[in-house]
Amino acid sequence: MSKKVTFGVKPQAAPPLKSADDWVMNRPSEPEPEPIPDAGLMKRLTIDIPAPLHGRIKAQCALRGIKMADEIRVLLDRHFSGEA
């Protein structure tokens, strides 16, 4: 008994880029994050969190395909929305 395996057409390689600038100009675009109302001027906030918590946040964001900063902004906005 023999097994038949069929192969499709060999994929074509992408044309080589001439420089890093070519890559930047031709890379696939990422979806824009959902804007936060009244975001205006952005300020930086630095906090220390336990490594296991950081790992869980990073893993969940990677699975969802979102940036950690975007997700944390949403959570902070929701928590400090002013609604009791």
Protein backbone atom coordinates (compact mmCIF):
# COMPACT_ATOMS: atom_id res chain seq x y z
CA MET A 1 0.00 0.00 0.00
CA SER A 2 1.44 3.36 -0.96
CA LYS A 3 0.37 6.80 0.07
CA LYS A 4 0.11 9.56 -2.51
CA VAL A 5 1.10 13.04 -1.49
CA THR A 6 0.44 15.99 -3.76
CA PHE A 7 2.30 19.25 -3.52
CA GLY A 8 0.98 22.64 -4.46
CA VAL A 9 2.78 25.37 -6.29
CA LYS A 10 5.97 26.57 -4.66
CA PRO A 11 5.32 29.94 -2.98
CA GLN A 12 7.07 32.90 -4.51
CA ALA A 13 9.53 34.70 -2.29
CA ALA A 14 8.91 38.36 -1.61
CA PRO A 15 11.26 40.62 -3.55
CA PRO A 16 14.27 41.61 -1.46
CA LEU A 17 14.11 45.07 0.08
CA LYS A 18 16.83 47.52 -0.73
CA SER A 19 16.95 49.17 2.68
CA ALA A 20 15.30 49.44 6.08
CA ASP A 21 13.43 52.48 4.76
CA ASP A 22 11.82 50.26 2.10
CA TRP A 23 10.63 47.88 4.82
CA VAL A 24 9.17 50.72 6.90
CA MET A 25 7.35 52.15 3.91
CA ASN A 26 5.99 48.74 2.74
CA ARG A 27 5.24 46.89 5.99
CA PRO A 28 1.67 45.80 6.73
CA SER A 29 -0.19 48.38 8.76
CA GLU A 30 -1.38 47.60 12.28
CA PRO A 31 -4.94 48.38 13.31
CA GLU A 32 -5.28 51.65 15.15
CA PRO A 33 -6.03 51.28 18.87
CA GLU A 34 -9.45 52.39 20.04
CA PRO A 35 -9.12 56.05 21.03
CA ILE A 36 -9.72 57.01 24.63
CA PRO A 37 -12.16 59.92 24.92
CA ASP A 38 -10.47 63.16 25.96
CA ALA A 39 -7.02 61.55 25.75
CA GLY A 40 -5.44 64.78 24.51
CA LEU A 41 -1.89 65.20 25.76
CA MET A 42 -0.36 61.91 26.87
CA LYS A 43 1.63 61.61 30.12
CA ARG A 44 3.95 58.77 31.09
CA LEU A 45 3.22 56.64 34.18
CA THR A 46 5.83 54.22 35.50
CA ILE A 47 4.82 51.57 38.03
CA ASP A 48 6.48 48.49 39.48
CA ILE A 49 4.48 45.26 39.33
CA PRO A 50 5.38 41.68 40.27
CA ALA A 51 7.03 39.67 37.48
CA PRO A 52 4.29 37.00 37.43
CA LEU A 53 1.60 39.68 36.94
CA HIS A 54 3.64 41.27 34.16
CA GLY A 55 3.97 37.88 32.48
CA ARG A 56 0.22 37.24 32.64
CA ILE A 57 -0.60 40.67 31.21
CA LYS A 58 1.96 40.29 28.44
CA ALA A 59 0.75 36.79 27.53
CA GLN A 60 -2.93 37.77 27.40
CA CYS A 61 -2.20 40.86 25.32
CA ALA A 62 -0.06 38.81 22.91
CA LEU A 63 -2.86 36.26 22.49
CA ARG A 64 -5.33 39.06 21.76
CA GLY A 65 -2.91 40.88 19.46
CA ILE A 66 -3.03 44.15 21.42
CA LYS A 67 -0.39 46.29 23.03
CA MET A 68 0.00 46.13 26.80
CA ALA A 69 -0.13 49.92 27.11
CA ASP A 70 -3.43 50.11 25.21
CA GLU A 71 -5.05 47.45 27.39
CA ILE A 72 -3.82 49.03 30.63
CA ARG A 73 -5.08 52.46 29.49
CA VAL A 74 -8.54 50.96 28.93
CA LEU A 75 -8.51 49.30 32.37
CA LEU A 76 -7.37 52.50 34.12
CA ASP A 77 -9.92 54.60 32.24
CA ARG A 78 -12.68 52.16 33.20
CA HIS A 79 -11.59 52.08 36.87
CA PHE A 80 -11.24 55.85 37.19
CA SER A 81 -14.23 56.82 35.06
CA GLY A 82 -15.82 58.75 37.94
CA GLU A 83 -18.85 56.47 38.09
CA ALA A 84 -19.62 55.17 41.57
